[in-house]
């Protein structure tokens, strides 16, 4: 075990104003949340559905068929959640659909002339109309702002890169929403996530539920679900966990869904059609800073604020002679360091720190040397070793993670999900690196970054095309952490 003499200066995720969800209050309705029943059905709107006979049987393995349940189904107006609803309905469950209204449109009414959620809700209604499933609209705007958006803004102000999708699942979709419907008698809550939940017993009071990888490894979303608690996981069903994405699209056609040809959503869940840079500018503002080349200290240009950039970012730098990548940020002096040698072997990292752990079983793994992890959403894994940290003789909520291969895109604030085989066991938040773990920035660049009057730097240099064999100008042992 690694012994730490002092506590690291980092803010645990649990320090935020977040309601604590337990089995007890999951069944207690929140009187402050509003549920609006949609008047959906008319004889003219109902459609005659094509008979499917036993064609769906192979697709119902993750829907608990032949065991009629009351299921609350989260629908977004997209194809995935719509197919999930139809599969649960075909499995014989009594379904009620719920649309979560978390969009804070009022804050951006001058930006856009159309409400990005109105089309989503219309599609959700049309899908429910096909099979006469009731639809409720749940208003969670205030909860979303308090527990997700405000945290995102604060993290960007501090130079970190949070993951809103992980927080949305933990705090809103399977947090505040479970709280809102706690007294309505549903057996499970379902959604269109690509993941698989294995429940040990029909009686959810005994045995642990397990989160497993979906059949579609490219679309797998266990990374976004890795920070759930056991009490949340026990309540969930994911009908698409046993089905590849291309089969889901075929099912949408087979069901003749109104949204069968609709494209998948690509943006952050609460932003809709607003660009992320506009959201950041609106809530954090802009502050002009400089861009320096990490290896030379050359002044390359200016930026609108370090919070618009994340480690590993390539797009939006607008520098010729690239590709250029963001490799470090000096938060105190509002300086962004970039490099064209991002993938040089001597600059990749295999060790980083993680904190704010959440283990799906409620306990950390007994075996920490034979794990796998994901440092971002996607099909890629690393073999890893987890070394819990000590303060004196006491374990603290952080660990050193060693991965089997080099990765340069490790950004503080992002989540790392951990796996034993195909089972996701939990996740934690990547912390600021130690002094020996950051990208090497030369002394000249560090000195320029600390200058109070940066008008003395002069004009940006003329960037030349990158040579085939670039020569390092500065000692790679000089680190960006010297700016702190």
Foldseek 3Di string as FASTA:
>chain_A
DAEDADDDPDDFLVVAPADDDDLVLLQAADPVKDKAWDPQEDPVLEDDWDDDPCVCVVLQPLLPAPPEFEEEQEAQLALLSLLVVVSNVVSPYQYAYEYEPQAPCVLCVVPDVDDLRPNRVVLVSSSCRHPVHIYMYIYCNVQCCRQAVVVQLVCLLVLFHADRLLSCVARPVLNNVSSNCSNVRGQAYEGRAQWGKAQPDSPLVDDFIFIFFAPALFRTDVQSPQAHARSSSSRYTHSRSDDHPVVSLVVCVSRVRPCSPPDDDDDDVHQRPDDPVVVNCSRPNWDKDFEAAQQPLFTAGIDGFSSVAWFQDQPDPPGPQASKTFFDADSVLRYTYIYRPLPPPVFFFFKFKWFNKHWHRRDDDPAFQAKWKDQDRGNDIWGKGWAFYHHVNDTDGMTMIGTDDTDRRRTFNTKMWMGDVRTTTHITTTHDGDPQGGFQGAPSNLVQSPDPDNVVSDDGDDDDNDDPDDDRPGDRSHHNVVND
